[in-house]
PDB file of all heavy atoms in Angstrom:
ATOM      1  N   GLN A   1      47.341 145.890 165.844  1.00  0.00           N
ATOM      2  CA  GLN A   1      47.424 145.605 164.413  1.00  0.00           C
ATOM      3  C   GLN A   1      47.020 146.818 163.572  1.00  0.00           C
ATOM      4  O   GLN A   1      47.548 147.024 162.476  1.00  0.00           O
ATOM      5  CB  GLN A   1      46.583 144.375 164.042  1.00  0.00           C
ATOM      6  CG  GLN A   1      45.104 144.467 164.344  1.00  0.00           C
ATOM      7  CD  GLN A   1      44.758 143.936 165.724  1.00  0.00           C
ATOM      8  OE1 GLN A   1      45.611 143.947 166.615  1.00  0.00           O
ATOM      9  NE2 GLN A   1      43.544 143.469 165.907  1.00  0.00           N
ATOM     10  N   ASP A   2      46.082 147.637 164.100  1.00  0.00           N
ATOM     11  CA  ASP A   2      45.717 148.862 163.387  1.00  0.00           C
ATOM     12  C   ASP A   2      46.899 149.813 163.327  1.00  0.00           C
ATOM     13  O   ASP A   2      47.170 150.432 162.288  1.00  0.00           O
ATOM     14  CB  ASP A   2      44.540 149.549 164.082  1.00  0.00           C
ATOM     15  CG  ASP A   2      43.299 148.680 164.148  1.00  0.00           C
ATOM     16  OD1 ASP A   2      42.968 148.049 163.130  1.00  0.00           O
ATOM     17  OD2 ASP A   2      42.676 148.615 165.218  1.00  0.00           O
ATOM     18  N   ALA A   3      47.597 149.954 164.444  1.00  0.00           N
ATOM     19  CA  ALA A   3      48.759 150.843 164.480  1.00  0.00           C
ATOM     20  C   ALA A   3      49.844 150.360 163.517  1.00  0.00           C
ATOM     21  O   ALA A   3      50.483 151.167 162.823  1.00  0.00           O
ATOM     22  CB  ALA A   3      49.302 150.930 165.903  1.00  0.00           C
ATOM     23  N   ALA A   4      50.062 149.048 163.469  1.00  0.00           N
ATOM     24  CA  ALA A   4      51.088 148.513 162.572  1.00  0.00           C
ATOM     25  C   ALA A   4      50.718 148.743 161.110  1.00  0.00           C
ATOM     26  O   ALA A   4      51.566 149.120 160.291  1.00  0.00           O
ATOM     27  CB  ALA A   4      51.292 147.025 162.844  1.00  0.00           C
ATOM     28  N   LEU A   5      49.452 148.544 160.786  1.00  0.00           N
ATOM     29  CA  LEU A   5      49.016 148.713 159.399  1.00  0.00           C
ATOM     30  C   LEU A   5      49.017 150.174 158.978  1.00  0.00           C
ATOM     31  O   LEU A   5      49.128 150.488 157.792  1.00  0.00           O
ATOM     32  CB  LEU A   5      47.623 148.105 159.217  1.00  0.00           C
ATOM     33  CG  LEU A   5      47.588 146.577 159.270  1.00  0.00           C
ATOM     34  CD1 LEU A   5      46.160 146.081 159.418  1.00  0.00           C
ATOM     35  CD2 LEU A   5      48.232 145.987 158.016  1.00  0.00           C
ATOM     36  N   ALA A   6      48.899 151.090 159.939  1.00  0.00           N
ATOM     37  CA  ALA A   6      48.911 152.512 159.610  1.00  0.00           C
ATOM     38  C   ALA A   6      50.316 153.024 159.338  1.00  0.00           C
ATOM     39  O   ALA A   6      50.483 154.124 158.800  1.00  0.00           O
ATOM     40  CB  ALA A   6      48.279 153.315 160.754  1.00  0.00           C
ATOM     41  N   ALA A   7      51.341 152.240 159.696  1.00  0.00           N
ATOM     42  CA  ALA A   7      52.733 152.640 159.475  1.00  0.00           C
ATOM     43  C   ALA A   7      53.176 152.215 158.069  1.00  0.00           C
ATOM     44  O   ALA A   7      52.437 151.558 157.325  1.00  0.00           O
ATOM     45  CB  ALA A   7      53.626 152.035 160.545  1.00  0.00           C
ATOM     46  N   ASP A   8      54.413 152.568 157.739  1.00  0.00           N
ATOM     47  CA  ASP A   8      54.908 152.319 156.380  1.00  0.00           C
ATOM     48  C   ASP A   8      55.818 151.097 156.313  1.00  0.00           C
ATOM     49  O   ASP A   8      56.901 151.146 155.741  1.00  0.00           O
ATOM     50  CB  ASP A   8      55.656 153.555 155.859  1.00  0.00           C
ATOM     51  CG  ASP A   8      56.852 153.914 156.737  1.00  0.00           C
ATOM     52  OD1 ASP A   8      56.901 153.436 157.891  1.00  0.00           O
ATOM     53  OD2 ASP A   8      57.729 154.654 156.268  1.00  0.00           O
ATOM     54  N   HIS A   9      55.391 149.997 156.868  1.00  0.00           N
ATOM     55  CA  HIS A   9      56.219 148.788 156.844  1.00  0.00           C
ATOM     56  C   HIS A   9      56.229 148.159 155.457  1.00  0.00           C
ATOM     57  O   HIS A   9      55.202 148.153 154.755  1.00  0.00           O
ATOM     58  CB  HIS A   9      55.699 147.772 157.864  1.00  0.00           C
ATOM     59  CG  HIS A   9      55.795 148.257 159.274  1.00  0.00           C
ATOM     60  ND1 HIS A   9      56.991 148.449 159.914  1.00  0.00           N
ATOM     61  CD2 HIS A   9      54.823 148.609 160.176  1.00  0.00           C
ATOM     62  CE1 HIS A   9      56.777 148.893 161.131  1.00  0.00           C
ATOM     63  NE2 HIS A   9      55.476 148.996 161.321  1.00  0.00           N
ATOM     64  N   ASP A  10      57.385 147.629 155.097  1.00  0.00           N
ATOM     65  CA  ASP A  10      57.548 146.904 153.837  1.00  0.00           C
ATOM     66  C   ASP A  10      57.194 145.442 154.118  1.00  0.00           C
ATOM     67  O   ASP A  10      58.057 144.612 154.395  1.00  0.00           O
ATOM     68  CB  ASP A  10      58.992 147.041 153.352  1.00  0.00           C
ATOM     69  CG  ASP A  10      59.222 146.392 151.994  1.00  0.00           C
ATOM     70  OD1 ASP A  10      58.258 145.815 151.443  1.00  0.00           O
ATOM     71  OD2 ASP A  10      60.358 146.454 151.492  1.00  0.00           O
ATOM     72  N   TRP A  11      55.895 145.112 154.088  1.00  0.00           N
ATOM     73  CA  TRP A  11      55.430 143.812 154.551  1.00  0.00           C
ATOM     74  C   TRP A  11      56.079 142.623 153.840  1.00  0.00           C
ATOM     75  O   TRP A  11      56.387 141.611 154.487  1.00  0.00           O
ATOM     76  CB  TRP A  11      53.905 143.737 154.466  1.00  0.00           C
ATOM     77  CG  TRP A  11      53.237 144.681 155.424  1.00  0.00           C
ATOM     78  CD1 TRP A  11      52.491 145.773 155.126  1.00  0.00           C
ATOM     79  CD2 TRP A  11      53.289 144.627 156.863  1.00  0.00           C
ATOM     80  NE1 TRP A  11      52.078 146.422 156.273  1.00  0.00           N
ATOM     81  CE2 TRP A  11      52.544 145.730 157.350  1.00  0.00           C
ATOM     82  CE3 TRP A  11      53.889 143.763 157.772  1.00  0.00           C
ATOM     83  CZ2 TRP A  11      52.390 145.972 158.709  1.00  0.00           C
ATOM     84  CZ3 TRP A  11      53.739 144.009 159.126  1.00  0.00           C
ATOM     85  CH2 TRP A  11      52.996 145.109 159.585  1.00  0.00           C
ATOM     86  N   PRO A  12      56.337 142.658 152.521  1.00  0.00           N
ATOM     87  CA  PRO A  12      57.002 141.494 151.905  1.00  0.00           C
ATOM     88  C   PRO A  12      58.409 141.236 152.447  1.00  0.00           C
ATOM     89  O   PRO A  12      58.930 140.140 152.288  1.00  0.00           O
ATOM     90  CB  PRO A  12      57.043 141.869 150.416  1.00  0.00           C
ATOM     91  CG  PRO A  12      55.891 142.822 150.241  1.00  0.00           C
ATOM     92  CD  PRO A  12      55.870 143.620 151.507  1.00  0.00           C
ATOM     93  N   ARG A  13      59.032 142.236 153.101  1.00  0.00           N
ATOM     94  CA  ARG A  13      60.382 142.069 153.645  1.00  0.00           C
ATOM     95  C   ARG A  13      60.372 142.035 155.175  1.00  0.00           C
ATOM     96  O   ARG A  13      61.386 142.288 155.813  1.00  0.00           O
ATOM     97  CB  ARG A  13      61.294 143.190 153.149  1.00  0.00           C
ATOM     98  CG  ARG A  13      61.547 143.151 151.654  1.00  0.00           C
ATOM     99  CD  ARG A  13      62.452 144.298 151.218  1.00  0.00           C
ATOM    100  NE  ARG A  13      62.747 144.215 149.812  1.00  0.00           N
ATOM    101  CZ  ARG A  13      63.758 143.534 149.279  1.00  0.00           C
ATOM    102  NH1 ARG A  13      64.575 142.867 150.079  1.00  0.00           N
ATOM    103  NH2 ARG A  13      63.958 143.504 147.983  1.00  0.00           N
ATOM    104  N   THR A  14      59.209 141.762 155.743  1.00  0.00           N
ATOM    105  CA  THR A  14      59.027 141.839 157.193  1.00  0.00           C
ATOM    106  C   THR A  14      58.739 140.471 157.786  1.00  0.00           C
ATOM    107  O   THR A  14      58.122 139.618 157.131  1.00  0.00           O
ATOM    108  CB  THR A  14      57.875 142.812 157.524  1.00  0.00           C
ATOM    109  OG1 THR A  14      58.242 144.123 157.084  1.00  0.00           O
ATOM    110  CG2 THR A  14      57.566 142.847 159.009  1.00  0.00           C
ATOM    111  N   VAL A  15      59.162 140.246 159.034  1.00  0.00           N
ATOM    112  CA  VAL A  15      58.701 139.130 159.845  1.00  0.00           C
ATOM    113  C   VAL A  15      57.984 139.728 161.050  1.00  0.00           C
ATOM    114  O   VAL A  15      58.422 140.750 161.596  1.00  0.00           O
ATOM    115  CB  VAL A  15      59.862 138.213 160.279  1.00  0.00           C
ATOM    116  CG1 VAL A  15      60.884 138.950 161.109  1.00  0.00           C
ATOM    117  CG2 VAL A  15      59.337 137.003 161.051  1.00  0.00           C
ATOM    118  N   ALA A  16      56.857 139.148 161.421  1.00  0.00           N
ATOM    119  CA  ALA A  16      56.048 139.682 162.518  1.00  0.00           C
ATOM    120  C   ALA A  16      55.872 138.618 163.596  1.00  0.00           C
ATOM    121  O   ALA A  16      55.618 137.440 163.289  1.00  0.00           O
ATOM    122  CB  ALA A  16      54.681 140.146 162.016  1.00  0.00           C
ATOM    123  N   TYR A  17      55.993 139.041 164.858  1.00  0.00           N
ATOM    124  CA  TYR A  17      55.736 138.181 166.007  1.00  0.00           C
ATOM    125  C   TYR A  17      54.594 138.802 166.809  1.00  0.00           C
ATOM    126  O   TYR A  17      54.567 140.023 167.019  1.00  0.00           O
ATOM    127  CB  TYR A  17      56.958 138.083 166.909  1.00  0.00           C
ATOM    128  CG  TYR A  17      58.066 137.199 166.392  1.00  0.00           C
ATOM    129  CD1 TYR A  17      58.919 137.636 165.383  1.00  0.00           C
ATOM    130  CD2 TYR A  17      58.286 135.920 166.917  1.00  0.00           C
ATOM    131  CE1 TYR A  17      59.952 136.839 164.915  1.00  0.00           C
ATOM    132  CE2 TYR A  17      59.313 135.116 166.459  1.00  0.00           C
ATOM    133  CZ  TYR A  17      60.147 135.580 165.454  1.00  0.00           C
ATOM    134  OH  TYR A  17      61.163 134.776 164.995  1.00  0.00           O
ATOM    135  N   ALA A  18      53.665 137.966 167.259  1.00  0.00           N
ATOM    136  CA  ALA A  18      52.543 138.447 168.067  1.00  0.00           C
ATOM    137  C   ALA A  18      52.419 137.572 169.300  1.00  0.00           C
ATOM    138  O   ALA A  18      52.466 136.343 169.207  1.00  0.00           O
ATOM    139  CB  ALA A  18      51.243 138.419 167.268  1.00  0.00           C
ATOM    140  N   CYS A  19      52.226 138.217 170.452  1.00  0.00           N
ATOM    141  CA  CYS A  19      52.114 137.475 171.705  1.00  0.00           C
ATOM    142  C   CYS A  19      51.119 138.186 172.609  1.00  0.00           C
ATOM    143  O   CYS A  19      51.239 139.399 172.836  1.00  0.00           O
ATOM    144  CB  CYS A  19      53.468 137.366 172.391  1.00  0.00           C
ATOM    145  SG  CYS A  19      53.482 136.257 173.816  1.00  0.00           S
ATOM    146  N   GLY A  20      50.120 137.441 173.069  1.00  0.00           N
ATOM    147  CA  GLY A  20      49.145 138.039 173.968  1.00  0.00           C
ATOM    148  C   GLY A  20      47.756 137.503 173.750  1.00  0.00           C
ATOM    149  O   GLY A  20      47.567 136.295 173.560  1.00  0.00           O
ATOM    150  N   ASN A  21      46.786 138.395 173.741  1.00  0.00           N
ATOM    151  CA  ASN A  21      45.380 138.023 173.632  1.00  0.00           C
ATOM    152  C   ASN A  21      45.118 137.215 172.362  1.00  0.00           C
ATOM    153  O   ASN A  21      45.499 137.636 171.266  1.00  0.00           O
ATOM    154  CB  ASN A  21      44.541 139.298 173.635  1.00  0.00           C
ATOM    155  CG  ASN A  21      43.055 139.003 173.620  1.00  0.00           C
ATOM    156  OD1 ASN A  21      42.520 138.646 172.586  1.00  0.00           O
ATOM    157  ND2 ASN A  21      42.412 139.166 174.760  1.00  0.00           N
ATOM    158  N   PRO A  22      44.457 136.044 172.467  1.00  0.00           N
ATOM    159  CA  PRO A  22      44.215 135.231 171.272  1.00  0.00           C
ATOM    160  C   PRO A  22      43.432 135.953 170.182  1.00  0.00           C
ATOM    161  O   PRO A  22      43.681 135.741 169.001  1.00  0.00           O
ATOM    162  CB  PRO A  22      43.431 134.027 171.823  1.00  0.00           C
ATOM    163  CG  PRO A  22      43.809 133.951 173.261  1.00  0.00           C
ATOM    164  CD  PRO A  22      44.005 135.370 173.704  1.00  0.00           C
ATOM    165  N   ALA A  23      42.476 136.808 170.562  1.00  0.00           N
ATOM    166  CA  ALA A  23      41.709 137.540 169.552  1.00  0.00           C
ATOM    167  C   ALA A  23      42.617 138.478 168.765  1.00  0.00           C
ATOM    168  O   ALA A  23      42.478 138.614 167.541  1.00  0.00           O
ATOM    169  CB  ALA A  23      40.582 138.320 170.226  1.00  0.00           C
ATOM    170  N   MET A  24      43.554 139.128 169.449  1.00  0.00           N
ATOM    171  CA  MET A  24      44.511 139.986 168.759  1.00  0.00           C
ATOM    172  C   MET A  24      45.363 139.174 167.803  1.00  0.00           C
ATOM    173  O   MET A  24      45.585 139.570 166.653  1.00  0.00           O
ATOM    174  CB  MET A  24      45.398 140.714 169.777  1.00  0.00           C
ATOM    175  CG  MET A  24      46.493 141.585 169.156  1.00  0.00           C
ATOM    176  SD  MET A  24      48.028 140.725 168.685  1.00  0.00           S
ATOM    177  CE  MET A  24      48.755 140.417 170.297  1.00  0.00           C
ATOM    178  N   VAL A  25      45.853 138.023 168.266  1.00  0.00           N
ATOM    179  CA  VAL A  25      46.725 137.197 167.434  1.00  0.00           C
ATOM    180  C   VAL A  25      45.999 136.773 166.162  1.00  0.00           C
ATOM    181  O   VAL A  25      46.547 136.866 165.051  1.00  0.00           O
ATOM    182  CB  VAL A  25      47.223 135.980 168.228  1.00  0.00           C
ATOM    183  CG1 VAL A  25      47.955 135.001 167.309  1.00  0.00           C
ATOM    184  CG2 VAL A  25      48.138 136.422 169.367  1.00  0.00           C
ATOM    185  N   ARG A  26      44.747 136.333 166.296  1.00  0.00           N
ATOM    186  CA  ARG A  26      44.003 135.889 165.115  1.00  0.00           C
ATOM    187  C   ARG A  26      43.740 137.047 164.158  1.00  0.00           C
ATOM    188  O   ARG A  26      43.910 136.921 162.936  1.00  0.00           O
ATOM    189  CB  ARG A  26      42.689 135.241 165.548  1.00  0.00           C
ATOM    190  CG  ARG A  26      42.858 133.889 166.224  1.00  0.00           C
ATOM    191  CD  ARG A  26      41.525 133.184 166.394  1.00  0.00           C
ATOM    192  NE  ARG A  26      40.667 133.867 167.341  1.00  0.00           N
ATOM    193  CZ  ARG A  26      40.618 133.561 168.638  1.00  0.00           C
ATOM    194  NH1 ARG A  26      41.409 132.622 169.121  1.00  0.00           N
ATOM    195  NH2 ARG A  26      39.798 134.202 169.446  1.00  0.00           N
ATOM    196  N   ALA A  27      43.309 138.184 164.692  1.00  0.00           N
ATOM    197  CA  ALA A  27      43.013 139.336 163.843  1.00  0.00           C
ATOM    198  C   ALA A  27      44.277 139.857 163.168  1.00  0.00           C
ATOM    199  O   ALA A  27      44.261 140.216 161.982  1.00  0.00           O
ATOM    200  CB  ALA A  27      42.353 140.435 164.668  1.00  0.00           C
ATOM    201  N   ALA A  28      45.381 139.904 163.908  1.00  0.00           N
ATOM    202  CA  ALA A  28      46.632 140.404 163.342  1.00  0.00           C
ATOM    203  C   ALA A  28      47.113 139.499 162.212  1.00  0.00           C
ATOM    204  O   ALA A  28      47.582 139.981 161.169  1.00  0.00           O
ATOM    205  CB  ALA A  28      47.691 140.510 164.436  1.00  0.00           C
ATOM    206  N   ARG A  29      47.013 138.188 162.415  1.00  0.00           N
ATOM    207  CA  ARG A  29      47.446 137.271 161.365  1.00  0.00           C
ATOM    208  C   ARG A  29      46.669 137.528 160.071  1.00  0.00           C
ATOM    209  O   ARG A  29      47.260 137.665 158.986  1.00  0.00           O
ATOM    210  CB  ARG A  29      47.246 135.819 161.803  1.00  0.00           C
ATOM    211  CG  ARG A  29      47.635 134.801 160.737  1.00  0.00           C
ATOM    212  CD  ARG A  29      47.290 133.387 161.117  1.00  0.00           C
ATOM    213  NE  ARG A  29      47.935 132.996 162.354  1.00  0.00           N
ATOM    214  CZ  ARG A  29      47.312 132.838 163.512  1.00  0.00           C
ATOM    215  NH1 ARG A  29      45.996 133.024 163.597  1.00  0.00           N
ATOM    216  NH2 ARG A  29      47.967 132.477 164.573  1.00  0.00           N
ATOM    217  N   ASP A  30      45.362 137.612 160.167  1.00  0.00           N
ATOM    218  CA  ASP A  30      44.548 137.796 158.969  1.00  0.00           C
ATOM    219  C   ASP A  30      44.859 139.117 158.274  1.00  0.00           C
ATOM    220  O   ASP A  30      45.027 139.179 157.050  1.00  0.00           O
ATOM    221  CB  ASP A  30      43.061 137.746 159.339  1.00  0.00           C
ATOM    222  CG  ASP A  30      42.626 136.371 159.814  1.00  0.00           C
ATOM    223  OD1 ASP A  30      43.353 135.390 159.541  1.00  0.00           O
ATOM    224  OD2 ASP A  30      41.568 136.270 160.462  1.00  0.00           O
ATOM    225  N   ARG A  31      44.951 140.201 159.044  1.00  0.00           N
ATOM    226  CA  ARG A  31      45.080 141.518 158.443  1.00  0.00           C
ATOM    227  C   ARG A  31      46.486 141.783 157.916  1.00  0.00           C
ATOM    228  O   ARG A  31      46.656 142.387 156.849  1.00  0.00           O
ATOM    229  CB  ARG A  31      44.657 142.581 159.444  1.00  0.00           C
ATOM    230  CG  ARG A  31      43.176 142.470 159.840  1.00  0.00           C
ATOM    231  CD  ARG A  31      42.727 143.653 160.647  1.00  0.00           C
ATOM    232  NE  ARG A  31      42.878 144.888 159.885  1.00  0.00           N
ATOM    233  CZ  ARG A  31      42.845 146.098 160.430  1.00  0.00           C
ATOM    234  NH1 ARG A  31      42.673 146.229 161.736  1.00  0.00           N
ATOM    235  NH2 ARG A  31      42.997 147.174 159.685  1.00  0.00           N
ATOM    236  N   LEU A  32      47.503 141.343 158.644  1.00  0.00           N
ATOM    237  CA  LEU A  32      48.866 141.583 158.173  1.00  0.00           C
ATOM    238  C   LEU A  32      49.176 140.755 156.931  1.00  0.00           C
ATOM    239  O   LEU A  32      49.841 141.239 156.006  1.00  0.00           O
ATOM    240  CB  LEU A  32      49.872 141.275 159.284  1.00  0.00           C
ATOM    241  CG  LEU A  32      50.284 142.458 160.176  1.00  0.00           C
ATOM    242  CD1 LEU A  32      49.077 143.108 160.834  1.00  0.00           C
ATOM    243  CD2 LEU A  32      51.290 142.009 161.231  1.00  0.00           C
ATOM    244  N   CYS A  33      48.692 139.517 156.897  1.00  0.00           N
ATOM    245  CA  CYS A  33      48.920 138.693 155.709  1.00  0.00           C
ATOM    246  C   CYS A  33      48.160 139.262 154.504  1.00  0.00           C
ATOM    247  O   CYS A  33      48.650 139.229 153.370  1.00  0.00           O
ATOM    248  CB  CYS A  33      48.515 137.245 155.974  1.00  0.00           C
ATOM    249  SG  CYS A  33      49.614 136.394 157.147  1.00  0.00           S
ATOM    250  N   ALA A  34      46.976 139.801 154.743  1.00  0.00           N
ATOM    251  CA  ALA A  34      46.234 140.436 153.657  1.00  0.00           C
ATOM    252  C   ALA A  34      46.971 141.668 153.137  1.00  0.00           C
ATOM    253  O   ALA A  34      46.843 142.029 151.959  1.00  0.00           O
ATOM    254  CB  ALA A  34      44.837 140.820 154.137  1.00  0.00           C
ATOM    255  N   ALA A  35      47.758 142.318 154.002  1.00  0.00           N
ATOM    256  CA  ALA A  35      48.507 143.512 153.606  1.00  0.00           C
ATOM    257  C   ALA A  35      49.792 143.174 152.870  1.00  0.00           C
ATOM    258  O   ALA A  35      50.459 144.082 152.355  1.00  0.00           O
ATOM    259  CB  ALA A  35      48.823 144.365 154.827  1.00  0.00           C
ATOM    260  N   GLY A  36      50.164 141.896 152.812  1.00  0.00           N
ATOM    261  CA  GLY A  36      51.359 141.507 152.072  1.00  0.00           C
ATOM    262  C   GLY A  36      52.416 140.784 152.864  1.00  0.00           C
ATOM    263  O   GLY A  36      53.447 140.377 152.311  1.00  0.00           O
ATOM    264  N   LEU A  37      52.197 140.582 154.186  1.00  0.00           N
ATOM    265  CA  LEU A  37      53.145 139.813 154.981  1.00  0.00           C
ATOM    266  C   LEU A  37      53.084 138.346 154.552  1.00  0.00           C
ATOM    267  O   LEU A  37      52.004 137.752 154.544  1.00  0.00           O
ATOM    268  CB  LEU A  37      52.811 139.931 156.464  1.00  0.00           C
ATOM    269  CG  LEU A  37      53.688 139.126 157.424  1.00  0.00           C
ATOM    270  CD1 LEU A  37      55.067 139.769 157.551  1.00  0.00           C
ATOM    271  CD2 LEU A  37      53.030 138.996 158.799  1.00  0.00           C
ATOM    272  N   PRO A  38      54.206 137.717 154.185  1.00  0.00           N
ATOM    273  CA  PRO A  38      54.165 136.285 153.856  1.00  0.00           C
ATOM    274  C   PRO A  38      53.637 135.478 155.036  1.00  0.00           C
ATOM    275  O   PRO A  38      54.087 135.673 156.171  1.00  0.00           O
ATOM    276  CB  PRO A  38      55.635 135.957 153.551  1.00  0.00           C
ATOM    277  CG  PRO A  38      56.240 137.262 153.146  1.00  0.00           C
ATOM    278  CD  PRO A  38      55.549 138.297 153.991  1.00  0.00           C
ATOM    279  N   PRO A  39      52.674 134.586 154.822  1.00  0.00           N
ATOM    280  CA  PRO A  39      52.064 133.854 155.947  1.00  0.00           C
ATOM    281  C   PRO A  39      53.062 133.093 156.804  1.00  0.00           C
ATOM    282  O   PRO A  39      52.864 132.967 158.015  1.00  0.00           O
ATOM    283  CB  PRO A  39      51.086 132.896 155.240  1.00  0.00           C
ATOM    284  CG  PRO A  39      50.756 133.579 153.956  1.00  0.00           C
ATOM    285  CD  PRO A  39      52.015 134.276 153.537  1.00  0.00           C
ATOM    286  N   ASP A  40      54.150 132.586 156.192  1.00  0.00           N
ATOM    287  CA  ASP A  40      55.111 131.834 156.997  1.00  0.00           C
ATOM    288  C   ASP A  40      56.020 132.736 157.812  1.00  0.00           C
ATOM    289  O   ASP A  40      56.897 132.258 158.539  1.00  0.00           O
ATOM    290  CB  ASP A  40      55.939 130.909 156.110  1.00  0.00           C
ATOM    291  CG  ASP A  40      56.745 131.646 155.049  1.00  0.00           C
ATOM    292  OD1 ASP A  40      56.461 132.839 154.808  1.00  0.00           O
ATOM    293  OD2 ASP A  40      57.647 131.025 154.456  1.00  0.00           O
ATOM    294  N   ARG A  41      55.808 134.058 157.725  1.00  0.00           N
ATOM    295  CA  ARG A  41      56.583 134.997 158.536  1.00  0.00           C
ATOM    296  C   ARG A  41      55.721 135.662 159.604  1.00  0.00           C
ATOM    297  O   ARG A  41      56.094 136.707 160.141  1.00  0.00           O
ATOM    298  CB  ARG A  41      57.230 136.068 157.652  1.00  0.00           C
ATOM    299  CG  ARG A  41      58.316 135.510 156.737  1.00  0.00           C
ATOM    300  CD  ARG A  41      59.128 136.618 156.130  1.00  0.00           C
ATOM    301  NE  ARG A  41      59.829 136.162 154.951  1.00  0.00           N
ATOM    302  CZ  ARG A  41      60.057 136.928 153.885  1.00  0.00           C
ATOM    303  NH1 ARG A  41      59.617 138.159 153.851  1.00  0.00           N
ATOM    304  NH2 ARG A  41      60.717 136.449 152.853  1.00  0.00           N
ATOM    305  N   PHE A  42      54.588 135.074 159.892  1.00  0.00           N
ATOM    306  CA  PHE A  42      53.798 135.501 161.051  1.00  0.00           C
ATOM    307  C   PHE A  42      53.962 134.426 162.115  1.00  0.00           C
ATOM    308  O   PHE A  42      53.532 133.286 161.940  1.00  0.00           O
ATOM    309  CB  PHE A  42      52.326 135.683 160.699  1.00  0.00           C
ATOM    310  CG  PHE A  42      51.512 136.232 161.846  1.00  0.00           C
ATOM    311  CD1 PHE A  42      51.342 137.598 161.999  1.00  0.00           C
ATOM    312  CD2 PHE A  42      50.941 135.381 162.781  1.00  0.00           C
ATOM    313  CE1 PHE A  42      50.602 138.109 163.068  1.00  0.00           C
ATOM    314  CE2 PHE A  42      50.207 135.874 163.852  1.00  0.00           C
ATOM    315  CZ  PHE A  42      50.042 137.250 163.986  1.00  0.00           C
ATOM    316  N   VAL A  43      54.600 134.777 163.216  1.00  0.00           N
ATOM    317  CA  VAL A  43      54.908 133.822 164.277  1.00  0.00           C
ATOM    318  C   VAL A  43      54.177 134.285 165.533  1.00  0.00           C
ATOM    319  O   VAL A  43      54.213 135.470 165.868  1.00  0.00           O
ATOM    320  CB  VAL A  43      56.425 133.753 164.538  1.00  0.00           C
ATOM    321  CG1 VAL A  43      56.753 132.575 165.447  1.00  0.00           C
ATOM    322  CG2 VAL A  43      57.199 133.643 163.236  1.00  0.00           C
ATOM    323  N   SER A  44      53.497 133.364 166.212  1.00  0.00           N
ATOM    324  CA  SER A  44      52.623 133.820 167.299  1.00  0.00           C
ATOM    325  C   SER A  44      52.636 132.876 168.480  1.00  0.00           C
ATOM    326  O   SER A  44      52.977 131.698 168.373  1.00  0.00           O
ATOM    327  CB  SER A  44      51.186 133.975 166.788  1.00  0.00           C
ATOM    328  OG  SER A  44      50.660 132.725 166.392  1.00  0.00           O
ATOM    329  N   GLU A  45      52.223 133.431 169.609  1.00  0.00           N
ATOM    330  CA  GLU A  45      51.981 132.681 170.835  1.00  0.00           C
ATOM    331  C   GLU A  45      50.800 133.349 171.519  1.00  0.00           C
ATOM    332  O   GLU A  45      50.798 134.565 171.720  1.00  0.00           O
ATOM    333  CB  GLU A  45      53.194 132.746 171.755  1.00  0.00           C
ATOM    334  CG  GLU A  45      53.148 131.765 172.905  1.00  0.00           C
ATOM    335  CD  GLU A  45      53.640 130.383 172.499  1.00  0.00           C
ATOM    336  OE1 GLU A  45      52.804 129.594 172.018  1.00  0.00           O
ATOM    337  OE2 GLU A  45      54.825 130.104 172.667  1.00  0.00           O
ATOM    338  N   ALA A  46      49.781 132.576 171.809  1.00  0.00           N
ATOM    339  CA  ALA A  46      48.596 133.121 172.464  1.00  0.00           C
ATOM    340  C   ALA A  46      48.375 132.401 173.782  1.00  0.00           C
ATOM    341  O   ALA A  46      48.354 131.175 173.834  1.00  0.00           O
ATOM    342  CB  ALA A  46      47.355 132.961 171.576  1.00  0.00           C
ATOM    343  N   PHE A  47      48.199 133.170 174.853  1.00  0.00           N
ATOM    344  CA  PHE A  47      47.934 132.597 176.168  1.00  0.00           C
ATOM    345  C   PHE A  47      46.595 133.107 176.676  1.00  0.00           C
ATOM    346  O   PHE A  47      46.272 134.281 176.536  1.00  0.00           O
ATOM    347  CB  PHE A  47      49.009 132.982 177.177  1.00  0.00           C
ATOM    348  CG  PHE A  47      50.330 132.319 176.938  1.00  0.00           C
ATOM    349  CD1 PHE A  47      51.505 133.040 176.979  1.00  0.00           C
ATOM    350  CD2 PHE A  47      50.395 130.972 176.658  1.00  0.00           C
ATOM    351  CE1 PHE A  47      52.724 132.423 176.759  1.00  0.00           C
ATOM    352  CE2 PHE A  47      51.605 130.346 176.445  1.00  0.00           C
ATOM    353  CZ  PHE A  47      52.769 131.073 176.494  1.00  0.00           C
ATOM    354  N   VAL A  48      45.839 132.218 177.271  1.00  0.00           N
ATOM    355  CA  VAL A  48      44.574 132.591 177.897  1.00  0.00           C
ATOM    356  C   VAL A  48      44.709 132.359 179.396  1.00  0.00           C
ATOM    357  O   VAL A  48      45.093 131.267 179.820  1.00  0.00           O
ATOM    358  CB  VAL A  48      43.399 131.743 177.345  1.00  0.00           C
ATOM    359  CG1 VAL A  48      42.100 132.129 178.024  1.00  0.00           C
ATOM    360  CG2 VAL A  48      43.281 131.933 175.840  1.00  0.00           C
TER     361      VAL A  48
END
């Protein structure tokens, strides 16, 4: 999520998918939405 936020993505025009560690998924959701990603465009799957 740090690498994604350091890039020049146009978050209001972006959809994001996250899959993997649950801690990553939770942190990515919070930070990307705070950066301007619409919450309904964060799609995730977390497996433990």
